[in-house]
């Protein structure tokens, strides 16, 4: 971590690999920095939308199949 105005190294932080530089800003906030937590999504609405989409697809395919079958019966 560099103090740019004072031209000195404040702290060396191991990050792995061979980075050329890491930009953290001129004045990082003091104390322990924790990564932002993303809110967990509720699985029930996603599952319901997925079930609705599958149901709609089945209805569309079944309707098309029924129409196709009906047109083949009347052609014979």
PDB file of N, CA and C in Angstrom:
ATOM      1  N   UNK A   1       0.869  -1.152   0.000  1.00  0.00           N
ATOM      2  CA  UNK A   1       0.000   0.000   0.000  1.00  0.00           C
ATOM      3  C   UNK A   1       0.919   1.218   0.000  1.00  0.00           C
ATOM      4  N   UNK A   2       0.683   2.109  -0.944  1.00  0.00           N
ATOM      5  CA  UNK A   2       1.544   3.273  -1.081  1.00  0.00           C
ATOM      6  C   UNK A   2       0.861   4.523  -0.557  1.00  0.00           C
ATOM      7  N   UNK A   3       1.645   5.350   0.118  1.00  0.00           N
ATOM      8  CA  UNK A   3       1.210   6.697   0.471  1.00  0.00           C
ATOM      9  C   UNK A   3       1.773   7.591  -0.630  1.00  0.00           C
ATOM     10  N   UNK A   4       0.942   7.886  -1.619  1.00  0.00           N
ATOM     11  CA  UNK A   4       1.417   8.595  -2.806  1.00  0.00           C
ATOM     12  C   UNK A   4       1.905  10.002  -2.480  1.00  0.00           C
ATOM     13  N   UNK A   5       1.151  10.796  -1.694  1.00  0.00           N
ATOM     14  CA  UNK A   5       1.669  12.143  -1.408  1.00  0.00           C
ATOM     15  C   UNK A   5       3.022  12.134  -0.695  1.00  0.00           C
ATOM     16  N   UNK A   6       3.248  11.146   0.194  1.00  0.00           N
ATOM     17  CA  UNK A   6       4.505  11.089   0.942  1.00  0.00           C
ATOM     18  C   UNK A   6       5.571  10.255   0.227  1.00  0.00           C
ATOM     19  N   UNK A   7       5.205   9.586  -0.879  1.00  0.00           N
ATOM     20  CA  UNK A   7       6.138   8.742  -1.642  1.00  0.00           C
ATOM     21  C   UNK A   7       6.782   7.668  -0.762  1.00  0.00           C
ATOM     22  N   UNK A   8       5.938   6.936  -0.018  1.00  0.00           N
ATOM     23  CA  UNK A   8       6.482   5.871   0.815  1.00  0.00           C
ATOM     24  C   UNK A   8       5.535   4.672   0.812  1.00  0.00           C
ATOM     25  N   UNK A   9       6.080   3.515   1.137  1.00  0.00           N
ATOM     26  CA  UNK A   9       5.303   2.279   1.224  1.00  0.00           C
ATOM     27  C   UNK A   9       4.758   2.157   2.642  1.00  0.00           C
ATOM     28  N   UNK A  10       3.433   2.015   2.767  1.00  0.00           N
ATOM     29  CA  UNK A  10       2.821   1.867   4.089  1.00  0.00           C
ATOM     30  C   UNK A  10       2.758   0.415   4.514  1.00  0.00           C
ATOM     31  N   UNK A  11       2.356  -0.460   3.589  1.00  0.00           N
ATOM     32  CA  UNK A  11       2.166  -1.859   3.945  1.00  0.00           C
ATOM     33  C   UNK A  11       2.277  -2.696   2.684  1.00  0.00           C
ATOM     34  N   UNK A  12       2.828  -3.899   2.810  1.00  0.00           N
ATOM     35  CA  UNK A  12       2.879  -4.856   1.712  1.00  0.00           C
ATOM     36  C   UNK A  12       1.825  -5.911   1.988  1.00  0.00           C
ATOM     37  N   UNK A  13       0.943  -6.131   1.019  1.00  0.00           N
ATOM     38  CA  UNK A  13      -0.165  -7.073   1.168  1.00  0.00           C
ATOM     39  C   UNK A  13       0.002  -8.173   0.132  1.00  0.00           C
ATOM     40  N   UNK A  14       0.200  -9.432   0.552  1.00  0.00           N
ATOM     41  CA  UNK A  14       0.332 -10.515  -0.423  1.00  0.00           C
ATOM     42  C   UNK A  14      -1.018 -10.783  -1.104  1.00  0.00           C
ATOM     43  N   UNK A  15      -1.008 -10.809  -2.432  1.00  0.00           N
ATOM     44  CA  UNK A  15      -2.250 -11.034  -3.176  1.00  0.00           C
ATOM     45  C   UNK A  15      -2.167 -12.252  -4.085  1.00  0.00           C
ATOM     46  N   UNK A  16      -1.014 -12.885  -4.177  1.00  0.00           N
ATOM     47  CA  UNK A  16      -0.845 -14.059  -5.026  1.00  0.00           C
ATOM     48  C   UNK A  16      -0.597 -13.663  -6.466  1.00  0.00           C
ATOM     49  N   UNK A  17      -0.045 -14.586  -7.234  1.00  0.00           N
ATOM     50  CA  UNK A  17       0.234 -14.304  -8.631  1.00  0.00           C
ATOM     51  C   UNK A  17       1.367 -13.305  -8.777  1.00  0.00           C
ATOM     52  N   UNK A  18       1.391 -12.650  -9.918  1.00  0.00           N
ATOM     53  CA  UNK A  18       2.423 -11.638 -10.161  1.00  0.00           C
ATOM     54  C   UNK A  18       1.776 -10.355 -10.676  1.00  0.00           C
ATOM     55  N   UNK A  19       1.014  -9.667  -9.834  1.00  0.00           N
ATOM     56  CA  UNK A  19       0.368  -8.442 -10.299  1.00  0.00           C
ATOM     57  C   UNK A  19       1.395  -7.327 -10.504  1.00  0.00           C
ATOM     58  N   UNK A  20       1.143  -6.479 -11.468  1.00  0.00           N
ATOM     59  CA  UNK A  20       2.013  -5.327 -11.698  1.00  0.00           C
ATOM     60  C   UNK A  20       1.643  -4.196 -10.742  1.00  0.00           C
ATOM     61  N   UNK A  21       0.355  -4.044 -10.514  1.00  0.00           N
ATOM     62  CA  UNK A  21      -0.104  -3.047  -9.562  1.00  0.00           C
ATOM     63  C   UNK A  21      -1.553  -3.361  -9.208  1.00  0.00           C
ATOM     64  N   UNK A  22      -1.965  -2.846  -8.079  1.00  0.00           N
ATOM     65  CA  UNK A  22      -3.357  -2.968  -7.635  1.00  0.00           C
ATOM     66  C   UNK A  22      -3.800  -1.580  -7.228  1.00  0.00           C
ATOM     67  N   UNK A  23      -4.892  -1.106  -7.831  1.00  0.00           N
ATOM     68  CA  UNK A  23      -5.388   0.232  -7.516  1.00  0.00           C
ATOM     69  C   UNK A  23      -6.418   0.113  -6.406  1.00  0.00           C
ATOM     70  N   UNK A  24      -6.150   0.784  -5.280  1.00  0.00           N
ATOM     71  CA  UNK A  24      -7.101   0.755  -4.179  1.00  0.00           C
ATOM     72  C   UNK A  24      -7.602   2.146  -3.820  1.00  0.00           C
ATOM     73  N   UNK A  25      -7.056   3.171  -4.422  1.00  0.00           N
ATOM     74  CA  UNK A  25      -7.482   4.526  -4.119  1.00  0.00           C
ATOM     75  C   UNK A  25      -6.461   5.231  -3.250  1.00  0.00           C
ATOM     76  N   UNK A  26      -6.579   6.531  -3.181  1.00  0.00           N
ATOM     77  CA  UNK A  26      -5.610   7.311  -2.405  1.00  0.00           C
ATOM     78  C   UNK A  26      -5.807   7.167  -0.914  1.00  0.00           C
ATOM     79  N   UNK A  27      -7.041   7.139  -0.463  1.00  0.00           N
ATOM     80  CA  UNK A  27      -7.310   7.106   0.963  1.00  0.00           C
ATOM     81  C   UNK A  27      -8.277   5.971   1.273  1.00  0.00           C
ATOM     82  N   UNK A  28      -7.783   4.750   1.461  1.00  0.00           N
ATOM     83  CA  UNK A  28      -8.694   3.648   1.786  1.00  0.00           C
ATOM     84  C   UNK A  28      -9.302   3.853   3.168  1.00  0.00           C
ATOM     85  N   UNK A  29     -10.503   3.348   3.388  1.00  0.00           N
ATOM     86  CA  UNK A  29     -11.138   3.521   4.701  1.00  0.00           C
ATOM     87  C   UNK A  29     -10.355   2.768   5.783  1.00  0.00           C
ATOM     88  N   UNK A  30     -10.322   3.299   6.980  1.00  0.00           N
ATOM     89  CA  UNK A  30      -9.579   2.642   8.059  1.00  0.00           C
ATOM     90  C   UNK A  30     -10.306   1.398   8.565  1.00  0.00           C
ATOM     91  N   UNK A  31      -9.561   0.518   9.209  1.00  0.00           N
ATOM     92  CA  UNK A  31     -10.159  -0.661   9.821  1.00  0.00           C
ATOM     93  C   UNK A  31     -10.254  -1.829   8.863  1.00  0.00           C
ATOM     94  N   UNK A  32     -10.947  -2.846   9.316  1.00  0.00           N
ATOM     95  CA  UNK A  32     -11.116  -4.050   8.504  1.00  0.00           C
ATOM     96  C   UNK A  32     -12.124  -3.792   7.397  1.00  0.00           C
ATOM     97  N   UNK A  33     -11.746  -4.142   6.199  1.00  0.00           N
ATOM     98  CA  UNK A  33     -12.626  -3.964   5.051  1.00  0.00           C
ATOM     99  C   UNK A  33     -13.185  -5.328   4.672  1.00  0.00           C
ATOM    100  N   UNK A  34     -14.493  -5.443   4.665  1.00  0.00           N
ATOM    101  CA  UNK A  34     -15.117  -6.702   4.270  1.00  0.00           C
ATOM    102  C   UNK A  34     -15.775  -6.512   2.907  1.00  0.00           C
ATOM    103  N   UNK A  35     -15.767  -7.549   2.090  1.00  0.00           N
ATOM    104  CA  UNK A  35     -16.418  -7.422   0.782  1.00  0.00           C
ATOM    105  C   UNK A  35     -17.922  -7.227   0.936  1.00  0.00           C
ATOM    106  N   UNK A  36     -18.517  -6.559  -0.040  1.00  0.00           N
ATOM    107  CA  UNK A  36     -19.957  -6.346   0.005  1.00  0.00           C
ATOM    108  C   UNK A  36     -20.691  -7.672  -0.118  1.00  0.00           C
ATOM    109  N   UNK A  37     -21.702  -7.825   0.675  1.00  0.00           N
ATOM    110  CA  UNK A  37     -22.496  -9.044   0.631  1.00  0.00           C
ATOM    111  C   UNK A  37     -23.683  -8.824  -0.299  1.00  0.00           C
ATOM    112  N   UNK A  38     -23.878  -9.743  -1.228  1.00  0.00           N
ATOM    113  CA  UNK A  38     -25.037  -9.657  -2.105  1.00  0.00           C
ATOM    114  C   UNK A  38     -26.219 -10.297  -1.395  1.00  0.00           C
ATOM    115  N   UNK A  39     -27.396  -9.717  -1.525  1.00  0.00           N
ATOM    116  CA  UNK A  39     -28.545 -10.310  -0.862  1.00  0.00           C
ATOM    117  C   UNK A  39     -28.868 -11.664  -1.476  1.00  0.00           C
ATOM    118  N   UNK A  40     -29.191 -12.616  -0.628  1.00  0.00           N
ATOM    119  CA  UNK A  40     -29.545 -13.935  -1.153  1.00  0.00           C
ATOM    120  C   UNK A  40     -30.927 -13.854  -1.788  1.00  0.00           C
ATOM    121  N   UNK A  41     -31.038 -14.456  -2.943  1.00  0.00           N
ATOM    122  CA  UNK A  41     -32.317 -14.436  -3.640  1.00  0.00           C
ATOM    123  C   UNK A  41     -33.190 -15.559  -3.112  1.00  0.00           C
ATOM    124  N   UNK A  42     -34.461 -15.293  -3.079  1.00  0.00           N
ATOM    125  CA  UNK A  42     -35.411 -16.291  -2.628  1.00  0.00           C
ATOM    126  C   UNK A  42     -35.654 -17.269  -3.768  1.00  0.00           C
ATOM    127  N   UNK A  43     -35.500 -18.545  -3.522  1.00  0.00           N
ATOM    128  CA  UNK A  43     -35.575 -19.559  -4.563  1.00  0.00           C
ATOM    129  C   UNK A  43     -37.020 -19.842  -4.981  1.00  0.00           C
ATOM    130  N   UNK A  44     -37.985 -19.554  -4.131  1.00  0.00           N
ATOM    131  CA  UNK A  44     -39.377 -19.894  -4.442  1.00  0.00           C
ATOM    132  C   UNK A  44     -39.901 -19.121  -5.651  1.00  0.00           C
ATOM    133  N   UNK A  45     -39.739 -17.795  -5.757  1.00  0.00           N
ATOM    134  CA  UNK A  45     -40.222 -17.109  -6.967  1.00  0.00           C
ATOM    135  C   UNK A  45     -39.532 -17.594  -8.236  1.00  0.00           C
ATOM    136  N   UNK A  46     -38.254 -17.903  -8.157  1.00  0.00           N
ATOM    137  CA  UNK A  46     -37.540 -18.399  -9.323  1.00  0.00           C
ATOM    138  C   UNK A  46     -38.095 -19.755  -9.728  1.00  0.00           C
ATOM    139  N   UNK A  47     -38.334 -20.630  -8.767  1.00  0.00           N
ATOM    140  CA  UNK A  47     -38.879 -21.952  -9.060  1.00  0.00           C
ATOM    141  C   UNK A  47     -40.288 -21.843  -9.643  1.00  0.00           C
ATOM    142  N   UNK A  48     -41.090 -20.922  -9.109  1.00  0.00           N
ATOM    143  CA  UNK A  48     -42.444 -20.752  -9.637  1.00  0.00           C
ATOM    144  C   UNK A  48     -42.426 -20.229 -11.077  1.00  0.00           C
ATOM    145  N   UNK A  49     -41.561 -19.282 -11.373  1.00  0.00           N
ATOM    146  CA  UNK A  49     -41.446 -18.782 -12.742  1.00  0.00           C
ATOM    147  C   UNK A  49     -40.960 -19.872 -13.683  1.00  0.00           C
ATOM    148  N   UNK A  50     -40.028 -20.682 -13.238  1.00  0.00           N
ATOM    149  CA  UNK A  50     -39.534 -21.781 -14.048  1.00  0.00           C
ATOM    150  C   UNK A  50     -40.652 -22.784 -14.323  1.00  0.00           C
ATOM    151  N   UNK A  51     -41.432 -23.136 -13.301  1.00  0.00           N
ATOM    152  CA  UNK A  51     -42.546 -24.071 -13.471  1.00  0.00           C
ATOM    153  C   UNK A  51     -43.603 -23.491 -14.412  1.00  0.00           C
ATOM    154  N   UNK A  52     -43.864 -22.192 -14.300  1.00  0.00           N
ATOM    155  CA  UNK A  52     -44.832 -21.544 -15.190  1.00  0.00           C
ATOM    156  C   UNK A  52     -44.346 -21.571 -16.632  1.00  0.00           C
ATOM    157  N   UNK A  53     -43.069 -21.332 -16.845  1.00  0.00           N
ATOM    158  CA  UNK A  53     -42.512 -21.357 -18.200  1.00  0.00           C
ATOM    159  C   UNK A  53     -42.589 -22.760 -18.795  1.00  0.00           C
ATOM    160  N   UNK A  54     -42.271 -23.770 -18.016  1.00  0.00           N
ATOM    161  CA  UNK A  54     -42.357 -25.157 -18.498  1.00  0.00           C
ATOM    162  C   UNK A  54     -43.798 -25.519 -18.818  1.00  0.00           C
ATOM    163  N   UNK A  55     -44.735 -25.121 -17.958  1.00  0.00           N
ATOM    164  CA  UNK A  55     -46.143 -25.398 -18.195  1.00  0.00           C
ATOM    165  C   UNK A  55     -46.625 -24.729 -19.473  1.00  0.00           C
ATOM    166  N   UNK A  56     -46.248 -23.479 -19.677  1.00  0.00           N
ATOM    167  CA  UNK A  56     -46.650 -22.773 -20.898  1.00  0.00           C
ATOM    168  C   UNK A  56     -46.067 -23.453 -22.131  1.00  0.00           C
ATOM    169  N   UNK A  57     -44.839 -23.893 -22.054  1.00  0.00           N
ATOM    170  CA  UNK A  57     -44.216 -24.582 -23.179  1.00  0.00           C
ATOM    171  C   UNK A  57     -44.934 -25.893 -23.486  1.00  0.00           C
ATOM    172  N   UNK A  58     -45.289 -26.642 -22.463  1.00  0.00           N
ATOM    173  CA  UNK A  58     -46.014 -27.907 -22.661  1.00  0.00           C
ATOM    174  C   UNK A  58     -47.367 -27.641 -23.297  1.00  0.00           C
ATOM    175  N   UNK A  59     -48.074 -26.618 -22.848  1.00  0.00           N
ATOM    176  CA  UNK A  59     -49.390 -26.291 -23.408  1.00  0.00           C
ATOM    177  C   UNK A  59     -49.264 -25.903 -24.881  1.00  0.00           C
ATOM    178  N   UNK A  60     -48.275 -25.095 -25.222  1.00  0.00           N
ATOM    179  CA  UNK A  60     -48.086 -24.676 -26.614  1.00  0.00           C
ATOM    180  C   UNK A  60     -47.749 -25.874 -27.493  1.00  0.00           C
ATOM    181  N   UNK A  61     -46.823 -26.711 -27.044  1.00  0.00           N
ATOM    182  CA  UNK A  61     -46.453 -27.893 -27.842  1.00  0.00           C
ATOM    183  C   UNK A  61     -47.638 -28.834 -27.974  1.00  0.00           C
ATOM    184  N   UNK A  62     -48.389 -29.048 -26.907  1.00  0.00           N
ATOM    185  CA  UNK A  62     -49.545 -29.948 -26.953  1.00  0.00           C
ATOM    186  C   UNK A  62     -50.607 -29.397 -27.912  1.00  0.00           C
ATOM    187  N   UNK A  63     -50.855 -28.088 -27.880  1.00  0.00           N
ATOM    188  CA  UNK A  63     -51.845 -27.476 -28.779  1.00  0.00           C
ATOM    189  C   UNK A  63     -51.415 -27.620 -30.232  1.00  0.00           C
ATOM    190  N   UNK A  64     -50.160 -27.373 -30.523  1.00  0.00           N
ATOM    191  CA  UNK A  64     -49.670 -27.516 -31.893  1.00  0.00           C
ATOM    192  C   UNK A  64     -49.773 -28.969 -32.344  1.00  0.00           C
ATOM    193  N   UNK A  65     -49.427 -29.894 -31.476  1.00  0.00           N
ATOM    194  CA  UNK A  65     -49.514 -31.321 -31.816  1.00  0.00           C
ATOM    195  C   UNK A  65     -50.958 -31.725 -32.073  1.00  0.00           C
ATOM    196  N   UNK A  66     -51.872 -31.225 -31.254  1.00  0.00           N
ATOM    197  CA  UNK A  66     -53.302 -31.534 -31.404  1.00  0.00           C
ATOM    198  C   UNK A  66     -53.816 -31.006 -32.747  1.00  0.00           C
ATOM    199  N   UNK A  67     -53.451 -29.772 -33.112  1.00  0.00           N
ATOM    200  CA  UNK A  67     -53.870 -29.194 -34.395  1.00  0.00           C
ATOM    201  C   UNK A  67     -53.274 -29.978 -35.561  1.00  0.00           C
ATOM    202  N   UNK A  68     -52.038 -30.379 -35.441  1.00  0.00           N
ATOM    203  CA  UNK A  68     -51.381 -31.151 -36.496  1.00  0.00           C
ATOM    204  C   UNK A  68     -52.054 -32.507 -36.652  1.00  0.00           C
ATOM    205  N   UNK A  69     -52.386 -33.156 -35.553  1.00  0.00           N
ATOM    206  CA  UNK A  69     -53.049 -34.455 -35.594  1.00  0.00           C
ATOM    207  C   UNK A  69     -54.431 -34.325 -36.207  1.00  0.00           C
ATOM    208  N   UNK A  70     -55.168 -33.255 -35.854  1.00  0.00           N
ATOM    209  CA  UNK A  70     -56.509 -33.041 -36.373  1.00  0.00           C
ATOM    210  C   UNK A  70     -56.451 -32.800 -37.893  1.00  0.00           C
ATOM    211  N   UNK A  71     -55.460 -32.053 -38.366  1.00  0.00           N
ATOM    212  CA  UNK A  71     -55.371 -31.771 -39.814  1.00  0.00           C
ATOM    213  C   UNK A  71     -54.973 -33.036 -40.577  1.00  0.00           C
ATOM    214  N   UNK A  72     -54.219 -33.952 -39.983  1.00  0.00           N
ATOM    215  CA  UNK A  72     -53.877 -35.191 -40.659  1.00  0.00           C
ATOM    216  C   UNK A  72     -55.053 -36.147 -40.729  1.00  0.00           C
ATOM    217  N   UNK A  73     -55.943 -36.141 -39.740  1.00  0.00           N
ATOM    218  CA  UNK A  73     -57.117 -37.025 -39.727  1.00  0.00           C
ATOM    219  C   UNK A  73     -58.087 -36.589 -40.810  1.00  0.00           C
ATOM    220  N   UNK A  74     -58.319 -35.296 -40.983  1.00  0.00           N
ATOM    221  CA  UNK A  74     -59.277 -34.822 -41.976  1.00  0.00           C
ATOM    222  C   UNK A  74     -58.730 -34.956 -43.395  1.00  0.00           C
ATOM    223  N   UNK A  75     -57.407 -35.042 -43.583  1.00  0.00           N
ATOM    224  CA  UNK A  75     -56.824 -35.176 -44.908  1.00  0.00           C
ATOM    225  C   UNK A  75     -56.975 -36.580 -45.441  1.00  0.00           C
ATOM    226  N   UNK A  76     -57.112 -37.585 -44.584  1.00  0.00           N
ATOM    227  CA  UNK A  76     -57.241 -38.987 -45.035  1.00  0.00           C
ATOM    228  C   UNK A  76     -58.585 -39.268 -45.533  1.00  0.00           C
TER     229      UNK A  76
END
